[in-house]
Amino acid sequence: MSLSASVAVACAPLTAGAPAGSPPAALGSRARPAGEGWVAVVDDAAVDAVLALVREGGRRIGVGAAPPGLGDGPVVLAARRALEAARRRPARLAVRGTDAVAAADAQAVLTALAVLLARRSAAAWAAVDLLAAGATRAAAAATLGVSRQAVAQRLAAASWDLERELRPTAARLLDRAAG
């Protein structure tokens, strides 16, 4: 994502009235209380933050996008509106932005990523985490005590290549959603 967008991520417990607890690490040090949950302006780290929250589970997620230079108010408001809309979405994730069509497209891609991540097994996550940290497939196989073919099978089952293609697509769409 470029600096042409301001992006905020909000999250709240799935269960209404549940305590929000401390801010999730995925939102970083700029997280602040927002109603029943938390919100943070994350800009370039938006996709990473959303997917980290998806992986943790147990939360609704709202993403807001607005043009930069307006202060945090508009983008935080968009994220809070998205968080409210997430109540009614099957994946409990919504996106709101200045450009509604691009926001809907970003929402579709992020939802697809959320579904993909939710279906991963622990074994697939272990392989993905090692490769994401920079390990080669051979090194991942040695660390996991399996063959390189087993690592390849885990990555295929995890749709790792598809995730790597969709992440930048989601970031570009969030940038467009800002208007």
N, C-alpha and C. Protein backbone atom coordinates (compact mmCIF):
# COMPACT_ATOMS: atom_id res chain seq x y z
N MET A 1 0.85 -1.17 0.00
CA MET A 1 0.00 0.00 0.00
C MET A 1 0.89 1.23 0.00
N SER A 2 0.43 2.27 -0.59
CA SER A 2 1.22 3.49 -0.66
C SER A 2 0.76 4.45 0.42
N LEU A 3 1.39 5.61 0.45
CA LEU A 3 1.00 6.62 1.42
C LEU A 3 -0.20 7.42 0.95
N SER A 4 -0.90 6.94 -0.09
CA SER A 4 -2.06 7.65 -0.58
C SER A 4 -3.32 7.25 0.16
N ALA A 5 -3.19 6.44 1.20
CA ALA A 5 -4.36 6.01 1.96
C ALA A 5 -4.04 5.99 3.44
N SER A 6 -5.08 6.19 4.20
CA SER A 6 -5.01 6.02 5.64
C SER A 6 -5.94 4.86 5.97
N VAL A 7 -5.44 3.86 6.68
CA VAL A 7 -6.22 2.67 6.96
C VAL A 7 -6.21 2.40 8.46
N ALA A 8 -7.39 2.10 8.99
CA ALA A 8 -7.53 1.74 10.40
C ALA A 8 -8.21 0.39 10.50
N VAL A 9 -7.85 -0.35 11.53
CA VAL A 9 -8.46 -1.64 11.81
C VAL A 9 -9.06 -1.59 13.20
N ALA A 10 -10.31 -2.04 13.30
CA ALA A 10 -11.00 -2.12 14.59
C ALA A 10 -11.36 -3.57 14.84
N CYS A 11 -11.41 -3.96 16.09
CA CYS A 11 -11.83 -5.31 16.42
C CYS A 11 -12.57 -5.30 17.76
N ALA A 12 -13.43 -6.28 17.91
CA ALA A 12 -14.21 -6.42 19.14
C ALA A 12 -14.52 -7.90 19.31
N PRO A 13 -14.76 -8.33 20.55
CA PRO A 13 -15.11 -9.74 20.78
C PRO A 13 -16.36 -10.13 20.00
N LEU A 14 -16.41 -11.38 19.56
CA LEU A 14 -17.58 -11.88 18.84
C LEU A 14 -18.84 -11.83 19.70
N THR A 15 -18.69 -12.10 20.97
CA THR A 15 -19.83 -12.13 21.88
C THR A 15 -20.11 -10.73 22.41
N ALA A 16 -21.32 -10.25 22.19
CA ALA A 16 -21.69 -8.91 22.67
C ALA A 16 -21.58 -8.87 24.18
N GLY A 17 -21.02 -7.79 24.67
CA GLY A 17 -20.90 -7.61 26.11
C GLY A 17 -19.68 -8.29 26.71
N ALA A 18 -18.95 -9.07 25.91
CA ALA A 18 -17.73 -9.71 26.42
C ALA A 18 -16.66 -8.64 26.62
N PRO A 19 -15.84 -8.80 27.65
CA PRO A 19 -14.80 -7.80 27.87
C PRO A 19 -13.79 -7.79 26.72
N ALA A 20 -13.37 -6.61 26.34
CA ALA A 20 -12.44 -6.47 25.23
C ALA A 20 -11.04 -6.91 25.60
N GLY A 21 -10.72 -6.91 26.90
CA GLY A 21 -9.38 -7.29 27.33
C GLY A 21 -8.36 -6.26 26.90
N SER A 22 -7.12 -6.67 26.84
CA SER A 22 -6.07 -5.76 26.42
C SER A 22 -6.04 -5.70 24.90
N PRO A 23 -5.44 -4.66 24.35
CA PRO A 23 -5.42 -4.55 22.89
C PRO A 23 -4.62 -5.68 22.26
N PRO A 24 -5.10 -6.22 21.14
CA PRO A 24 -4.34 -7.28 20.47
C PRO A 24 -3.03 -6.73 19.93
N ALA A 25 -1.99 -7.53 20.00
CA ALA A 25 -0.67 -7.14 19.52
C ALA A 25 -0.72 -6.77 18.04
N ALA A 26 -1.62 -7.38 17.29
CA ALA A 26 -1.72 -7.13 15.85
C ALA A 26 -2.02 -5.66 15.54
N LEU A 27 -2.62 -4.95 16.48
CA LEU A 27 -2.95 -3.54 16.25
C LEU A 27 -1.81 -2.60 16.62
N GLY A 28 -0.78 -3.12 17.24
CA GLY A 28 0.38 -2.31 17.57
C GLY A 28 0.16 -1.39 18.75
N SER A 29 1.14 -0.54 18.96
CA SER A 29 1.14 0.34 20.13
C SER A 29 0.16 1.51 20.01
N ARG A 30 -0.37 1.74 18.82
CA ARG A 30 -1.30 2.86 18.63
C ARG A 30 -2.75 2.48 18.90
N ALA A 31 -3.00 1.25 19.34
CA ALA A 31 -4.37 0.81 19.60
C ALA A 31 -4.96 1.61 20.75
N ARG A 32 -6.23 1.96 20.56
CA ARG A 32 -6.93 2.68 21.63
C ARG A 32 -8.34 2.11 21.74
N PRO A 33 -8.92 2.24 22.93
CA PRO A 33 -10.29 1.71 23.12
C PRO A 33 -11.27 2.38 22.17
N ALA A 34 -12.21 1.57 21.69
CA ALA A 34 -13.26 2.08 20.80
C ALA A 34 -14.52 1.30 21.10
N GLY A 35 -15.39 1.87 21.89
CA GLY A 35 -16.62 1.18 22.23
C GLY A 35 -16.32 -0.12 22.94
N GLU A 36 -16.75 -1.21 22.35
CA GLU A 36 -16.56 -2.52 22.96
C GLU A 36 -15.24 -3.18 22.60
N GLY A 37 -14.41 -2.51 21.81
CA GLY A 37 -13.17 -3.14 21.35
C GLY A 37 -12.03 -2.17 21.26
N TRP A 38 -11.26 -2.32 20.18
CA TRP A 38 -10.04 -1.54 19.96
C TRP A 38 -9.97 -1.09 18.52
N VAL A 39 -9.26 0.02 18.30
CA VAL A 39 -9.04 0.52 16.95
C VAL A 39 -7.63 1.10 16.88
N ALA A 40 -7.01 0.98 15.71
CA ALA A 40 -5.69 1.56 15.49
C ALA A 40 -5.54 1.93 14.03
N VAL A 41 -4.89 3.05 13.78
CA VAL A 41 -4.52 3.42 12.42
C VAL A 41 -3.24 2.63 12.12
N VAL A 42 -3.31 1.77 11.11
CA VAL A 42 -2.20 0.86 10.82
C VAL A 42 -1.61 1.07 9.43
N ASP A 43 -2.27 1.81 8.57
CA ASP A 43 -1.81 2.14 7.23
C ASP A 43 -1.23 0.94 6.50
N ASP A 44 0.08 0.94 6.24
CA ASP A 44 0.71 -0.10 5.41
C ASP A 44 0.63 -1.50 6.01
N ALA A 45 0.39 -1.61 7.30
CA ALA A 45 0.34 -2.92 7.97
C ALA A 45 -1.07 -3.47 8.07
N ALA A 46 -2.02 -2.89 7.34
CA ALA A 46 -3.43 -3.26 7.50
C ALA A 46 -3.69 -4.74 7.20
N VAL A 47 -3.20 -5.23 6.09
CA VAL A 47 -3.48 -6.63 5.72
C VAL A 47 -2.86 -7.57 6.75
N ASP A 48 -1.64 -7.29 7.16
CA ASP A 48 -1.00 -8.12 8.18
C ASP A 48 -1.79 -8.09 9.48
N ALA A 49 -2.26 -6.91 9.89
CA ALA A 49 -3.02 -6.80 11.13
C ALA A 49 -4.33 -7.58 11.05
N VAL A 50 -5.04 -7.44 9.94
CA VAL A 50 -6.31 -8.16 9.77
C VAL A 50 -6.08 -9.67 9.82
N LEU A 51 -5.08 -10.14 9.10
CA LEU A 51 -4.86 -11.59 9.06
C LEU A 51 -4.34 -12.13 10.39
N ALA A 52 -3.60 -11.33 11.13
CA ALA A 52 -3.18 -11.76 12.48
C ALA A 52 -4.40 -11.87 13.40
N LEU A 53 -5.34 -10.93 13.28
CA LEU A 53 -6.57 -10.99 14.08
C LEU A 53 -7.41 -12.19 13.68
N VAL A 54 -7.48 -12.46 12.39
CA VAL A 54 -8.23 -13.63 11.91
C VAL A 54 -7.62 -14.90 12.50
N ARG A 55 -6.31 -14.98 12.47
CA ARG A 55 -5.64 -16.18 13.00
C ARG A 55 -5.91 -16.36 14.49
N GLU A 56 -5.90 -15.28 15.25
CA GLU A 56 -6.19 -15.37 16.68
C GLU A 56 -7.61 -15.84 16.93
N GLY A 57 -8.54 -15.39 16.08
CA GLY A 57 -9.94 -15.78 16.20
C GLY A 57 -10.66 -15.07 17.34
N GLY A 58 -11.96 -15.29 17.39
CA GLY A 58 -12.77 -14.77 18.47
C GLY A 58 -13.15 -13.30 18.39
N ARG A 59 -12.92 -12.67 17.23
CA ARG A 59 -13.22 -11.24 17.11
C ARG A 59 -13.92 -10.93 15.80
N ARG A 60 -14.73 -9.86 15.84
CA ARG A 60 -15.22 -9.21 14.63
C ARG A 60 -14.14 -8.22 14.23
N ILE A 61 -14.02 -7.98 12.92
CA ILE A 61 -12.97 -7.09 12.43
C ILE A 61 -13.56 -6.10 11.45
N GLY A 62 -13.23 -4.84 11.64
CA GLY A 62 -13.65 -3.79 10.72
C GLY A 62 -12.44 -3.04 10.20
N VAL A 63 -12.44 -2.77 8.91
CA VAL A 63 -11.33 -2.05 8.29
C VAL A 63 -11.90 -0.80 7.64
N GLY A 64 -11.28 0.33 7.93
CA GLY A 64 -11.70 1.60 7.34
C GLY A 64 -10.58 2.20 6.52
N ALA A 65 -10.94 2.81 5.39
CA ALA A 65 -9.95 3.46 4.52
C ALA A 65 -10.45 4.85 4.17
N ALA A 66 -9.55 5.83 4.24
CA ALA A 66 -9.89 7.22 3.93
C ALA A 66 -8.66 7.90 3.36
N PRO A 67 -8.85 9.01 2.66
CA PRO A 67 -7.69 9.74 2.15
C PRO A 67 -6.82 10.23 3.31
N PRO A 68 -5.51 10.30 3.10
CA PRO A 68 -4.64 10.80 4.16
C PRO A 68 -4.79 12.31 4.32
N GLY A 69 -4.26 12.82 5.39
CA GLY A 69 -4.24 14.25 5.59
C GLY A 69 -5.48 14.81 6.26
N LEU A 70 -6.46 13.96 6.55
CA LEU A 70 -7.68 14.43 7.21
C LEU A 70 -7.64 14.19 8.71
N GLY A 71 -6.52 13.68 9.20
CA GLY A 71 -6.44 13.28 10.60
C GLY A 71 -7.00 11.87 10.74
N ASP A 72 -6.99 11.38 11.96
CA ASP A 72 -7.44 10.01 12.21
C ASP A 72 -8.96 9.88 12.26
N GLY A 73 -9.67 10.96 12.46
CA GLY A 73 -11.12 10.90 12.65
C GLY A 73 -11.88 10.14 11.56
N PRO A 74 -11.76 10.52 10.29
CA PRO A 74 -12.52 9.84 9.24
C PRO A 74 -12.19 8.36 9.09
N VAL A 75 -10.91 8.00 9.19
CA VAL A 75 -10.54 6.60 8.99
C VAL A 75 -10.96 5.75 10.20
N VAL A 76 -10.89 6.31 11.39
CA VAL A 76 -11.34 5.59 12.58
C VAL A 76 -12.85 5.40 12.53
N LEU A 77 -13.57 6.42 12.11
CA LEU A 77 -15.02 6.31 11.97
C LEU A 77 -15.38 5.24 10.94
N ALA A 78 -14.67 5.19 9.83
CA ALA A 78 -14.92 4.17 8.80
C ALA A 78 -14.66 2.78 9.37
N ALA A 79 -13.60 2.63 10.16
CA ALA A 79 -13.29 1.33 10.76
C ALA A 79 -14.38 0.92 11.76
N ARG A 80 -14.88 1.87 12.53
CA ARG A 80 -15.95 1.55 13.49
C ARG A 80 -17.25 1.19 12.78
N ARG A 81 -17.54 1.86 11.66
CA ARG A 81 -18.72 1.50 10.87
C ARG A 81 -18.56 0.09 10.28
N ALA A 82 -17.35 -0.21 9.82
CA ALA A 82 -17.08 -1.54 9.30
C ALA A 82 -17.21 -2.60 10.39
N LEU A 83 -16.76 -2.27 11.59
CA LEU A 83 -16.88 -3.20 12.71
C LEU A 83 -18.34 -3.50 13.00
N GLU A 84 -19.17 -2.50 12.95
CA GLU A 84 -20.61 -2.71 13.16
C GLU A 84 -21.19 -3.58 12.04
N ALA A 85 -20.77 -3.32 10.80
CA ALA A 85 -21.26 -4.12 9.67
C ALA A 85 -20.78 -5.56 9.76
N ALA A 86 -19.64 -5.79 10.38
CA ALA A 86 -19.09 -7.14 10.50
C ALA A 86 -20.00 -8.05 11.31
N ARG A 87 -20.85 -7.49 12.15
CA ARG A 87 -21.81 -8.30 12.92
C ARG A 87 -22.70 -9.14 12.00
N ARG A 88 -23.00 -8.58 10.84
CA ARG A 88 -23.96 -9.21 9.93
C ARG A 88 -23.31 -10.01 8.81
N ARG A 89 -22.00 -10.14 8.87
CA ARG A 89 -21.29 -10.87 7.80
C ARG A 89 -20.85 -12.23 8.30
N PRO A 90 -20.96 -13.24 7.45
CA PRO A 90 -20.59 -14.59 7.87
C PRO A 90 -19.16 -14.72 8.40
N ALA A 91 -18.21 -14.05 7.77
CA ALA A 91 -16.81 -14.15 8.22
C ALA A 91 -16.50 -13.15 9.32
N ARG A 92 -17.48 -12.34 9.71
CA ARG A 92 -17.32 -11.33 10.76
C ARG A 92 -16.21 -10.34 10.45
N LEU A 93 -16.13 -9.97 9.16
CA LEU A 93 -15.14 -9.03 8.68
C LEU A 93 -15.80 -8.12 7.66
N ALA A 94 -15.58 -6.81 7.79
CA ALA A 94 -16.15 -5.86 6.84
C ALA A 94 -15.16 -4.74 6.57
N VAL A 95 -15.32 -4.10 5.41
CA VAL A 95 -14.48 -2.98 5.02
C VAL A 95 -15.38 -1.83 4.61
N ARG A 96 -15.04 -0.63 5.03
CA ARG A 96 -15.74 0.58 4.62
C ARG A 96 -14.69 1.60 4.19
N GLY A 97 -15.01 2.33 3.11
CA GLY A 97 -14.07 3.33 2.63
C GLY A 97 -14.77 4.39 1.82
N THR A 98 -14.01 5.37 1.39
CA THR A 98 -14.53 6.47 0.60
C THR A 98 -15.08 5.96 -0.72
N ASP A 99 -14.39 5.02 -1.35
CA ASP A 99 -14.84 4.39 -2.58
C ASP A 99 -15.53 3.07 -2.20
N ALA A 100 -16.85 3.07 -2.23
CA ALA A 100 -17.63 1.90 -1.77
C ALA A 100 -17.38 0.65 -2.62
N VAL A 101 -17.19 0.82 -3.91
CA VAL A 101 -16.96 -0.34 -4.79
C VAL A 101 -15.61 -0.98 -4.46
N ALA A 102 -14.57 -0.18 -4.33
CA ALA A 102 -13.25 -0.71 -3.99
C ALA A 102 -13.26 -1.31 -2.59
N ALA A 103 -14.01 -0.71 -1.68
CA ALA A 103 -14.13 -1.26 -0.33
C ALA A 103 -14.80 -2.62 -0.36
N ALA A 104 -15.82 -2.76 -1.19
CA ALA A 104 -16.49 -4.06 -1.33
C ALA A 104 -15.54 -5.10 -1.92
N ASP A 105 -14.72 -4.67 -2.88
CA ASP A 105 -13.74 -5.59 -3.47
C ASP A 105 -12.70 -6.00 -2.43
N ALA A 106 -12.21 -5.03 -1.65
CA ALA A 106 -11.24 -5.34 -0.59
C ALA A 106 -11.87 -6.28 0.44
N GLN A 107 -13.12 -6.04 0.76
CA GLN A 107 -13.83 -6.90 1.71
C GLN A 107 -13.91 -8.33 1.18
N ALA A 108 -14.18 -8.50 -0.12
CA ALA A 108 -14.27 -9.83 -0.70
C ALA A 108 -12.92 -10.55 -0.64
N VAL A 109 -11.85 -9.85 -0.96
CA VAL A 109 -10.52 -10.48 -0.95
C VAL A 109 -10.10 -10.80 0.49
N LEU A 110 -10.31 -9.87 1.42
CA LEU A 110 -9.95 -10.14 2.81
C LEU A 110 -10.79 -11.27 3.40
N THR A 111 -12.06 -11.35 3.01
CA THR A 111 -12.91 -12.44 3.48
C THR A 111 -12.41 -13.78 2.94
N ALA A 112 -12.04 -13.80 1.67
CA ALA A 112 -11.48 -15.03 1.09
C ALA A 112 -10.21 -15.45 1.84
N LEU A 113 -9.36 -14.49 2.15
CA LEU A 113 -8.16 -14.79 2.91
C LEU A 113 -8.51 -15.30 4.31
N ALA A 114 -9.50 -14.69 4.93
CA ALA A 114 -9.92 -15.12 6.28
C ALA A 114 -10.41 -16.56 6.26
N VAL A 115 -11.20 -16.91 5.27
CA VAL A 115 -11.71 -18.28 5.15
C VAL A 115 -10.55 -19.24 4.91
N LEU A 116 -9.63 -18.85 4.04
CA LEU A 116 -8.47 -19.68 3.74
C LEU A 116 -7.66 -19.95 5.01
N LEU A 117 -7.39 -18.91 5.80
CA LEU A 117 -6.61 -19.07 7.02
C LEU A 117 -7.34 -19.89 8.08
N ALA A 118 -8.64 -19.72 8.16
CA ALA A 118 -9.42 -20.45 9.16
C ALA A 118 -9.42 -21.95 8.92
N ARG A 119 -9.17 -22.36 7.71
CA ARG A 119 -9.19 -23.79 7.35
C ARG A 119 -7.85 -24.47 7.49
N ARG A 120 -6.82 -23.74 7.85
CA ARG A 120 -5.48 -24.32 7.94
C ARG A 120 -5.33 -25.21 9.17
N SER A 121 -4.64 -26.31 8.96
CA SER A 121 -4.32 -27.20 10.07
C SER A 121 -3.10 -26.67 10.81
N ALA A 122 -2.86 -27.20 12.00
CA ALA A 122 -1.68 -26.81 12.77
C ALA A 122 -0.40 -27.17 12.01
N ALA A 123 -0.41 -28.33 11.34
CA ALA A 123 0.77 -28.74 10.57
C ALA A 123 1.03 -27.78 9.41
N ALA A 124 -0.03 -27.34 8.75
CA ALA A 124 0.13 -26.38 7.65
C ALA A 124 0.64 -25.05 8.18
N TRP A 125 0.10 -24.60 9.32
CA TRP A 125 0.58 -23.35 9.92
C TRP A 125 2.06 -23.44 10.26
N ALA A 126 2.50 -24.57 10.77
CA ALA A 126 3.91 -24.73 11.12
C ALA A 126 4.80 -24.52 9.90
N ALA A 127 4.42 -25.10 8.78
CA ALA A 127 5.20 -24.95 7.54
C ALA A 127 5.14 -23.50 7.04
N VAL A 128 3.95 -22.92 7.03
CA VAL A 128 3.78 -21.53 6.56
C VAL A 128 4.59 -20.58 7.43
N ASP A 129 4.53 -20.75 8.74
CA ASP A 129 5.26 -19.85 9.64
C ASP A 129 6.77 -19.89 9.37
N LEU A 130 7.30 -21.06 9.12
CA LEU A 130 8.73 -21.17 8.84
C LEU A 130 9.10 -20.48 7.53
N LEU A 131 8.30 -20.70 6.48
CA LEU A 131 8.60 -20.04 5.21
C LEU A 131 8.40 -18.53 5.30
N ALA A 132 7.39 -18.10 6.01
CA ALA A 132 7.15 -16.67 6.18
C ALA A 132 8.31 -16.00 6.92
N ALA A 133 8.97 -16.76 7.78
CA ALA A 133 10.12 -16.23 8.53
C ALA A 133 11.41 -16.28 7.70
N GLY A 134 11.32 -16.80 6.47
CA GLY A 134 12.47 -16.79 5.58
C GLY A 134 13.16 -18.13 5.40
N ALA A 135 12.66 -19.18 6.01
CA ALA A 135 13.28 -20.49 5.85
C ALA A 135 13.03 -21.03 4.44
N THR A 136 13.95 -21.82 3.97
CA THR A 136 13.75 -22.53 2.71
C THR A 136 12.87 -23.75 3.00
N ARG A 137 12.39 -24.36 1.95
CA ARG A 137 11.58 -25.57 2.14
C ARG A 137 12.43 -26.69 2.75
N ALA A 138 13.69 -26.76 2.35
CA ALA A 138 14.58 -27.78 2.91
C ALA A 138 14.80 -27.53 4.41
N ALA A 139 15.03 -26.27 4.77
CA ALA A 139 15.22 -25.95 6.18
C ALA A 139 13.94 -26.19 6.99
N ALA A 140 12.81 -25.87 6.40
CA ALA A 140 11.53 -26.13 7.07
C ALA A 140 11.34 -27.63 7.29
N ALA A 141 11.68 -28.41 6.29
CA ALA A 141 11.56 -29.87 6.42
C ALA A 141 12.44 -30.38 7.55
N ALA A 142 13.67 -29.89 7.62
CA ALA A 142 14.58 -30.32 8.68
C ALA A 142 14.05 -29.90 10.05
N THR A 143 13.56 -28.68 10.17
CA THR A 143 13.03 -28.19 11.44
C THR A 143 11.82 -29.00 11.88
N LEU A 144 10.94 -29.31 10.92
CA LEU A 144 9.71 -30.05 11.24
C LEU A 144 9.93 -31.56 11.33
N GLY A 145 11.09 -32.02 10.89
CA GLY A 145 11.37 -33.45 10.92
C GLY A 145 10.55 -34.24 9.92
N VAL A 146 10.32 -33.62 8.77
CA VAL A 146 9.55 -34.28 7.70
C VAL A 146 10.32 -34.11 6.39
N SER A 147 9.83 -34.74 5.36
CA SER A 147 10.48 -34.62 4.04
C SER A 147 10.12 -33.29 3.38
N ARG A 148 10.91 -32.91 2.38
CA ARG A 148 10.58 -31.70 1.61
C ARG A 148 9.25 -31.87 0.91
N GLN A 149 8.95 -33.11 0.49
CA GLN A 149 7.66 -33.37 -0.15
C GLN A 149 6.52 -33.12 0.84
N ALA A 150 6.70 -33.50 2.09
CA ALA A 150 5.66 -33.27 3.11
C ALA A 150 5.45 -31.77 3.33
N VAL A 151 6.55 -31.02 3.32
CA VAL A 151 6.42 -29.56 3.46
C VAL A 151 5.66 -29.00 2.26
N ALA A 152 5.97 -29.46 1.07
CA ALA A 152 5.27 -29.00 -0.13
C ALA A 152 3.78 -29.33 -0.04
N GLN A 153 3.46 -30.52 0.46
CA GLN A 153 2.05 -30.90 0.62
C GLN A 153 1.34 -30.01 1.64
N ARG A 154 2.03 -29.70 2.72
CA ARG A 154 1.43 -28.82 3.75
C ARG A 154 1.19 -27.42 3.20
N LEU A 155 2.15 -26.93 2.43
CA LEU A 155 2.00 -25.60 1.84
C LEU A 155 0.87 -25.58 0.82
N ALA A 156 0.75 -26.65 0.05
CA ALA A 156 -0.35 -26.73 -0.92
C ALA A 156 -1.69 -26.79 -0.19
N ALA A 157 -1.78 -27.58 0.86
CA ALA A 157 -3.02 -27.67 1.63
C ALA A 157 -3.35 -26.33 2.29
N ALA A 158 -2.33 -25.56 2.63
CA ALA A 158 -2.51 -24.26 3.26
C ALA A 158 -2.84 -23.16 2.26
N SER A 159 -2.75 -23.47 0.98
CA SER A 159 -2.92 -22.46 -0.09
C SER A 159 -1.97 -21.28 0.11
N TRP A 160 -0.74 -21.61 0.48
CA TRP A 160 0.28 -20.60 0.76
C TRP A 160 0.53 -19.71 -0.45
N ASP A 161 0.64 -20.29 -1.65
CA ASP A 161 0.89 -19.48 -2.84
C ASP A 161 -0.27 -18.53 -3.11
N LEU A 162 -1.49 -18.99 -2.92
CA LEU A 162 -2.66 -18.14 -3.12
C LEU A 162 -2.67 -16.99 -2.11
N GLU A 163 -2.35 -17.29 -0.86
CA GLU A 163 -2.29 -16.22 0.15
C GLU A 163 -1.27 -15.16 -0.25
N ARG A 164 -0.11 -15.59 -0.72
CA ARG A 164 0.93 -14.63 -1.12
C ARG A 164 0.49 -13.78 -2.30
N GLU A 165 -0.37 -14.31 -3.16
CA GLU A 165 -0.90 -13.52 -4.28
C GLU A 165 -1.99 -12.56 -3.82
N LEU A 166 -2.81 -12.99 -2.88
CA LEU A 166 -3.94 -12.18 -2.46
C LEU A 166 -3.57 -11.04 -1.50
N ARG A 167 -2.52 -11.20 -0.72
CA ARG A 167 -2.13 -10.15 0.23
C ARG A 167 -1.89 -8.80 -0.46
N PRO A 168 -1.04 -8.73 -1.50
CA PRO A 168 -0.84 -7.42 -2.14
C PRO A 168 -2.09 -6.93 -2.87
N THR A 169 -2.90 -7.85 -3.35
CA THR A 169 -4.17 -7.45 -3.98
C THR A 169 -5.06 -6.76 -2.96
N ALA A 170 -5.16 -7.33 -1.77
CA ALA A 170 -5.97 -6.72 -0.71
C ALA A 170 -5.42 -5.34 -0.35
N ALA A 171 -4.10 -5.21 -0.27
CA ALA A 171 -3.50 -3.91 0.07
C ALA A 171 -3.82 -2.86 -1.01
N ARG A 172 -3.71 -3.25 -2.29
CA ARG A 172 -4.03 -2.30 -3.37
C ARG A 172 -5.50 -1.88 -3.32
N LEU A 173 -6.38 -2.84 -3.04
CA LEU A 173 -7.82 -2.53 -2.97
C LEU A 173 -8.13 -1.62 -1.79
N LEU A 174 -7.45 -1.81 -0.66
CA LEU A 174 -7.65 -0.90 0.47
C LEU A 174 -7.18 0.51 0.12
N ASP A 175 -6.08 0.59 -0.62
CA ASP A 175 -5.59 1.88 -1.07
C ASP A 175 -6.63 2.58 -1.95
N ARG A 176 -7.24 1.81 -2.86
CA ARG A 176 -8.29 2.36 -3.73
C ARG A 176 -9.54 2.72 -2.93
N ALA A 177 -9.84 1.93 -1.92
CA ALA A 177 -11.04 2.19 -1.11
C ALA A 177 -10.96 3.55 -0.41
N ALA A 178 -9.73 4.03 -0.21
CA ALA A 178 -9.56 5.34 0.43
C ALA A 178 -10.05 6.48 -0.46
N GLY A 179 -10.17 6.21 -1.75
CA GLY A 179 -10.71 7.23 -2.66
C GLY A 179 -9.69 8.00 -3.41
